[in-house]
């Protein structure tokens, strides 16, 4: 089974572990075991790793920018305890780190994780970080606007590919918390 989106051809992610971070493949496979429709609905495609950044990818492969969902890792401290989260927002917006995220994490200040820390802790490559397969302990906060029946494009854990799935399915992924107003702009 293949899907067309932009100029790319997409295949079932469960069948292509070579295009996914190991933790991402395990997360998708585990999710599909519980919800069998996931096996057909979550698809992956190879891309040029030099085009993994959203703007370059959408232009090179004729993809709508609004279809891209960014996953950013943030952290803040409260009483000496660090609280971390992955925030999912459409590429046409940005995560409201200074208000919504800070409130949700119940911290005085929330900040983006530095690239080296984000990649080391997630076990994923920069430009490919995805909510599917993050280590335990990360809250996954998704802006409600990510939902819908249209396909959204997310990272695969590696720079050399991307995942697509219906936005409504992404919001139902294990551990995802849907938040109205997580994104601004």
C-alpha atoms as a PDB file:
ATOM      1  CA  UNK A   1       0.000   0.000   0.000  1.00  0.00           C
ATOM      2  CA  UNK A   2       1.395   3.396  -0.974  1.00  0.00           C
ATOM      3  CA  UNK A   3       0.147   6.941  -0.497  1.00  0.00           C
ATOM      4  CA  UNK A   4       0.940  10.013  -2.589  1.00  0.00           C
ATOM      5  CA  UNK A   5       1.603  13.366  -0.928  1.00  0.00           C
ATOM      6  CA  UNK A   6       3.579  16.027  -2.733  1.00  0.00           C
ATOM      7  CA  UNK A   7       6.085  14.444  -5.084  1.00  0.00           C
ATOM      8  CA  UNK A   8       6.882  11.677  -2.576  1.00  0.00           C
ATOM      9  CA  UNK A   9       5.694   8.090  -2.369  1.00  0.00           C
ATOM     10  CA  UNK A  10       4.851   6.896   1.106  1.00  0.00           C
ATOM     11  CA  UNK A  11       4.795   3.323   2.448  1.00  0.00           C
ATOM     12  CA  UNK A  12       3.556   1.720   5.653  1.00  0.00           C
ATOM     13  CA  UNK A  13       5.983   2.688   8.416  1.00  0.00           C
ATOM     14  CA  UNK A  14       5.666  -0.681  10.151  1.00  0.00           C
ATOM     15  CA  UNK A  15       7.167  -2.274   7.014  1.00  0.00           C
ATOM     16  CA  UNK A  16      10.155   0.106   6.801  1.00  0.00           C
ATOM     17  CA  UNK A  17      12.180  -0.013  10.037  1.00  0.00           C
ATOM     18  CA  UNK A  18      15.202   1.036   7.944  1.00  0.00           C
ATOM     19  CA  UNK A  19      13.619   4.500   7.599  1.00  0.00           C
ATOM     20  CA  UNK A  20      12.872   4.997  11.308  1.00  0.00           C
ATOM     21  CA  UNK A  21      14.738   5.423  14.564  1.00  0.00           C
ATOM     22  CA  UNK A  22      14.554   2.123  16.454  1.00  0.00           C
ATOM     23  CA  UNK A  23      12.422   3.670  19.214  1.00  0.00           C
ATOM     24  CA  UNK A  24      10.052   5.161  16.618  1.00  0.00           C
ATOM     25  CA  UNK A  25       9.580   1.820  14.876  1.00  0.00           C
ATOM     26  CA  UNK A  26       8.950   0.145  18.245  1.00  0.00           C
ATOM     27  CA  UNK A  27       6.389   2.816  19.201  1.00  0.00           C
ATOM     28  CA  UNK A  28       4.498   2.529  15.898  1.00  0.00           C
ATOM     29  CA  UNK A  29       4.567  -1.274  15.969  1.00  0.00           C
ATOM     30  CA  UNK A  30       3.321  -1.341  19.561  1.00  0.00           C
ATOM     31  CA  UNK A  31       0.567   1.152  18.767  1.00  0.00           C
ATOM     32  CA  UNK A  32      -0.477  -0.888  15.699  1.00  0.00           C
ATOM     33  CA  UNK A  33      -0.671  -4.036  17.836  1.00  0.00           C
ATOM     34  CA  UNK A  34      -3.294  -2.321  20.007  1.00  0.00           C
ATOM     35  CA  UNK A  35      -4.998  -0.368  17.205  1.00  0.00           C
ATOM     36  CA  UNK A  36      -4.545  -2.360  13.939  1.00  0.00           C
ATOM     37  CA  UNK A  37      -5.656   0.496  11.642  1.00  0.00           C
ATOM     38  CA  UNK A  38      -2.459   2.336  12.629  1.00  0.00           C
ATOM     39  CA  UNK A  39      -0.388  -0.078  10.514  1.00  0.00           C
ATOM     40  CA  UNK A  40      -1.983   1.262   7.312  1.00  0.00           C
ATOM     41  CA  UNK A  41      -2.491   4.865   8.445  1.00  0.00           C
ATOM     42  CA  UNK A  42       1.088   5.717   9.506  1.00  0.00           C
ATOM     43  CA  UNK A  43       3.294   5.984   6.426  1.00  0.00           C
ATOM     44  CA  UNK A  44       6.936   6.900   5.820  1.00  0.00           C
ATOM     45  CA  UNK A  45       9.006   8.128   2.889  1.00  0.00           C
ATOM     46  CA  UNK A  46      12.728   8.599   2.323  1.00  0.00           C
ATOM     47  CA  UNK A  47      13.999  12.154   1.792  1.00  0.00           C
ATOM     48  CA  UNK A  48      17.342  13.800   1.227  1.00  0.00           C
ATOM     49  CA  UNK A  49      18.683  14.377   4.782  1.00  0.00           C
ATOM     50  CA  UNK A  50      19.954  17.790   3.677  1.00  0.00           C
ATOM     51  CA  UNK A  51      16.286  18.727   3.113  1.00  0.00           C
ATOM     52  CA  UNK A  52      14.966  17.568   6.507  1.00  0.00           C
ATOM     53  CA  UNK A  53      14.274  21.090   7.761  1.00  0.00           C
ATOM     54  CA  UNK A  54      10.633  22.046   7.186  1.00  0.00           C
ATOM     55  CA  UNK A  55      11.075  24.955   4.764  1.00  0.00           C
ATOM     56  CA  UNK A  56      13.552  23.111   2.545  1.00  0.00           C
ATOM     57  CA  UNK A  57      11.485  19.906   2.562  1.00  0.00           C
ATOM     58  CA  UNK A  58       8.175  21.544   1.690  1.00  0.00           C
ATOM     59  CA  UNK A  59       9.716  23.441  -1.208  1.00  0.00           C
ATOM     60  CA  UNK A  60      11.748  20.540  -2.598  1.00  0.00           C
ATOM     61  CA  UNK A  61       8.935  17.980  -2.460  1.00  0.00           C
ATOM     62  CA  UNK A  62       5.941  20.236  -3.247  1.00  0.00           C
ATOM     63  CA  UNK A  63       4.357  19.740   0.176  1.00  0.00           C
ATOM     64  CA  UNK A  64       1.944  22.187   1.835  1.00  0.00           C
ATOM     65  CA  UNK A  65       3.664  23.975   4.727  1.00  0.00           C
ATOM     66  CA  UNK A  66       0.504  23.675   6.838  1.00  0.00           C
ATOM     67  CA  UNK A  67       0.825  19.854   6.665  1.00  0.00           C
ATOM     68  CA  UNK A  68       4.116  19.914   8.573  1.00  0.00           C
ATOM     69  CA  UNK A  69       3.963  19.501  12.342  1.00  0.00           C
ATOM     70  CA  UNK A  70       7.065  20.435  14.301  1.00  0.00           C
ATOM     71  CA  UNK A  71       8.072  18.634  17.476  1.00  0.00           C
ATOM     72  CA  UNK A  72      10.131  20.774  19.832  1.00  0.00           C
ATOM     73  CA  UNK A  73      11.514  19.661  23.174  1.00  0.00           C
ATOM     74  CA  UNK A  74      11.242  22.029  26.123  1.00  0.00           C
ATOM     75  CA  UNK A  75      12.082  21.947  29.821  1.00  0.00           C
ATOM     76  CA  UNK A  76      11.645  23.978  32.954  1.00  0.00           C
ATOM     77  CA  UNK A  77      12.327  23.538  36.673  1.00  0.00           C
ATOM     78  CA  UNK A  78      10.127  23.711  39.722  1.00  0.00           C
ATOM     79  CA  UNK A  79      11.549  23.175  43.203  1.00  0.00           C
ATOM     80  CA  UNK A  80      14.714  21.671  41.718  1.00  0.00           C
ATOM     81  CA  UNK A  81      12.826  19.130  39.610  1.00  0.00           C
ATOM     82  CA  UNK A  82      13.097  19.380  35.847  1.00  0.00           C
ATOM     83  CA  UNK A  83       9.928  18.895  33.811  1.00  0.00           C
ATOM     84  CA  UNK A  84      10.236  18.113  30.123  1.00  0.00           C
ATOM     85  CA  UNK A  85       7.779  18.010  27.250  1.00  0.00           C
ATOM     86  CA  UNK A  86       7.559  17.606  23.529  1.00  0.00           C
ATOM     87  CA  UNK A  87       5.332  20.218  21.906  1.00  0.00           C
ATOM     88  CA  UNK A  88       3.585  19.520  18.602  1.00  0.00           C
ATOM     89  CA  UNK A  89       2.505  22.532  16.581  1.00  0.00           C
ATOM     90  CA  UNK A  90       1.843  23.160  12.899  1.00  0.00           C
ATOM     91  CA  UNK A  91       4.838  24.624  11.061  1.00  0.00           C
ATOM     92  CA  UNK A  92       2.788  27.745  10.303  1.00  0.00           C
ATOM     93  CA  UNK A  93       2.708  28.498  14.050  1.00  0.00           C
ATOM     94  CA  UNK A  94       5.052  28.273  17.018  1.00  0.00           C
ATOM     95  CA  UNK A  95       4.740  26.798  20.487  1.00  0.00           C
ATOM     96  CA  UNK A  96       3.646  29.320  23.117  1.00  0.00           C
ATOM     97  CA  UNK A  97       6.546  28.440  25.410  1.00  0.00           C
ATOM     98  CA  UNK A  98       6.351  31.599  27.518  1.00  0.00           C
ATOM     99  CA  UNK A  99       2.702  31.151  28.474  1.00  0.00           C
ATOM    100  CA  UNK A 100       0.882  27.910  27.617  1.00  0.00           C
ATOM    101  CA  UNK A 101       3.849  25.538  27.966  1.00  0.00           C
ATOM    102  CA  UNK A 102       5.094  27.227  31.113  1.00  0.00           C
ATOM    103  CA  UNK A 103       1.626  26.888  32.693  1.00  0.00           C
ATOM    104  CA  UNK A 104       1.205  23.265  31.620  1.00  0.00           C
ATOM    105  CA  UNK A 105       4.592  22.286  33.042  1.00  0.00           C
ATOM    106  CA  UNK A 106       3.949  24.431  36.143  1.00  0.00           C
ATOM    107  CA  UNK A 107       7.373  26.072  35.954  1.00  0.00           C
ATOM    108  CA  UNK A 108       8.584  29.642  36.243  1.00  0.00           C
ATOM    109  CA  UNK A 109      10.388  29.527  32.912  1.00  0.00           C
ATOM    110  CA  UNK A 110      10.316  27.030  30.043  1.00  0.00           C
ATOM    111  CA  UNK A 111      13.036  26.904  27.387  1.00  0.00           C
ATOM    112  CA  UNK A 112      13.822  24.899  24.281  1.00  0.00           C
ATOM    113  CA  UNK A 113      16.362  22.160  24.900  1.00  0.00           C
ATOM    114  CA  UNK A 114      19.717  22.855  23.220  1.00  0.00           C
ATOM    115  CA  UNK A 115      20.176  20.756  20.072  1.00  0.00           C
ATOM    116  CA  UNK A 116      22.897  18.506  21.520  1.00  0.00           C
ATOM    117  CA  UNK A 117      20.827  17.740  24.605  1.00  0.00           C
ATOM    118  CA  UNK A 118      17.610  17.230  22.599  1.00  0.00           C
ATOM    119  CA  UNK A 119      19.262  14.692  20.308  1.00  0.00           C
ATOM    120  CA  UNK A 120      21.139  12.913  23.102  1.00  0.00           C
ATOM    121  CA  UNK A 121      18.106  12.566  25.365  1.00  0.00           C
ATOM    122  CA  UNK A 122      15.606  11.687  22.632  1.00  0.00           C
ATOM    123  CA  UNK A 123      17.938   9.258  20.863  1.00  0.00           C
ATOM    124  CA  UNK A 124      16.858  10.928  17.624  1.00  0.00           C
ATOM    125  CA  UNK A 125      18.546  13.064  15.004  1.00  0.00           C
ATOM    126  CA  UNK A 126      18.112  16.828  14.800  1.00  0.00           C
ATOM    127  CA  UNK A 127      15.533  17.561  12.104  1.00  0.00           C
ATOM    128  CA  UNK A 128      13.871  14.211  12.729  1.00  0.00           C
ATOM    129  CA  UNK A 129      12.676  14.405  16.340  1.00  0.00           C
ATOM    130  CA  UNK A 130       9.206  12.910  16.602  1.00  0.00           C
ATOM    131  CA  UNK A 131       6.688  12.313  19.382  1.00  0.00           C
ATOM    132  CA  UNK A 132       6.547   8.629  18.406  1.00  0.00           C
ATOM    133  CA  UNK A 133       9.225   6.851  20.411  1.00  0.00           C
ATOM    134  CA  UNK A 134      10.358   9.525  22.847  1.00  0.00           C
ATOM    135  CA  UNK A 135      11.788   8.228  26.127  1.00  0.00           C
ATOM    136  CA  UNK A 136       9.463   7.741  29.090  1.00  0.00           C
ATOM    137  CA  UNK A 137       9.096  10.853  31.185  1.00  0.00           C
ATOM    138  CA  UNK A 138       8.362  13.251  28.332  1.00  0.00           C
ATOM    139  CA  UNK A 139       4.920  14.762  28.285  1.00  0.00           C
ATOM    140  CA  UNK A 140       3.686  15.070  24.714  1.00  0.00           C
ATOM    141  CA  UNK A 141       1.609  18.228  24.298  1.00  0.00           C
ATOM    142  CA  UNK A 142      -0.178  18.707  20.963  1.00  0.00           C
ATOM    143  CA  UNK A 143      -1.938  21.838  19.814  1.00  0.00           C
ATOM    144  CA  UNK A 144      -5.573  20.990  19.017  1.00  0.00           C
ATOM    145  CA  UNK A 145      -5.123  22.547  15.552  1.00  0.00           C
ATOM    146  CA  UNK A 146      -2.852  19.623  14.628  1.00  0.00           C
ATOM    147  CA  UNK A 147      -5.976  17.448  14.404  1.00  0.00           C
ATOM    148  CA  UNK A 148      -8.188  16.822  11.406  1.00  0.00           C
ATOM    149  CA  UNK A 149      -8.484  14.167   8.743  1.00  0.00           C
ATOM    150  CA  UNK A 150      -5.766  15.587   6.475  1.00  0.00           C
ATOM    151  CA  UNK A 151      -2.337  14.022   6.597  1.00  0.00           C
ATOM    152  CA  UNK A 152       0.282  15.746   8.718  1.00  0.00           C
ATOM    153  CA  UNK A 153       4.016  15.258   8.330  1.00  0.00           C
ATOM    154  CA  UNK A 154       6.244  14.635  11.338  1.00  0.00           C
ATOM    155  CA  UNK A 155       9.778  13.458  11.963  1.00  0.00           C
ATOM    156  CA  UNK A 156      10.743   9.799  11.898  1.00  0.00           C
ATOM    157  CA  UNK A 157      13.558   9.961  14.431  1.00  0.00           C
ATOM    158  CA  UNK A 158      16.113  10.251  11.610  1.00  0.00           C
ATOM    159  CA  UNK A 159      16.823  13.008   9.079  1.00  0.00           C
ATOM    160  CA  UNK A 160      16.581  10.744   6.032  1.00  0.00           C
ATOM    161  CA  UNK A 161      12.800  10.236   6.176  1.00  0.00           C
ATOM    162  CA  UNK A 162       9.462  11.669   7.289  1.00  0.00           C
ATOM    163  CA  UNK A 163       6.261  10.150   8.628  1.00  0.00           C
ATOM    164  CA  UNK A 164       2.738  11.124   7.557  1.00  0.00           C
ATOM    165  CA  UNK A 165      -0.519  10.241   9.292  1.00  0.00           C
ATOM    166  CA  UNK A 166      -3.950  11.805   9.755  1.00  0.00           C
ATOM    167  CA  UNK A 167      -3.793  14.661  12.251  1.00  0.00           C
ATOM    168  CA  UNK A 168      -6.712  13.177  14.173  1.00  0.00           C
ATOM    169  CA  UNK A 169      -4.756   9.941  14.582  1.00  0.00           C
ATOM    170  CA  UNK A 170      -1.665  11.802  15.803  1.00  0.00           C
ATOM    171  CA  UNK A 171      -3.795  13.390  18.523  1.00  0.00           C
ATOM    172  CA  UNK A 172      -4.839   9.880  19.609  1.00  0.00           C
ATOM    173  CA  UNK A 173      -1.291   8.521  19.755  1.00  0.00           C
ATOM    174  CA  UNK A 174      -0.352   6.977  23.110  1.00  0.00           C
ATOM    175  CA  UNK A 175       0.552   9.616  25.670  1.00  0.00           C
ATOM    176  CA  UNK A 176      -0.488  12.658  23.619  1.00  0.00           C
ATOM    177  CA  UNK A 177      -2.251  15.436  25.541  1.00  0.00           C
ATOM    178  CA  UNK A 178      -4.376  17.708  23.326  1.00  0.00           C
ATOM    179  CA  UNK A 179      -4.105  21.380  24.313  1.00  0.00           C
ATOM    180  CA  UNK A 180      -6.195  24.242  22.960  1.00  0.00           C
ATOM    181  CA  UNK A 181      -4.006  27.294  22.398  1.00  0.00           C
ATOM    182  CA  UNK A 182      -0.603  25.584  22.638  1.00  0.00           C
ATOM    183  CA  UNK A 183       0.422  27.335  19.415  1.00  0.00           C
ATOM    184  CA  UNK A 184       0.488  31.016  18.525  1.00  0.00           C
ATOM    185  CA  UNK A 185       0.973  32.951  15.350  1.00  0.00           C
END
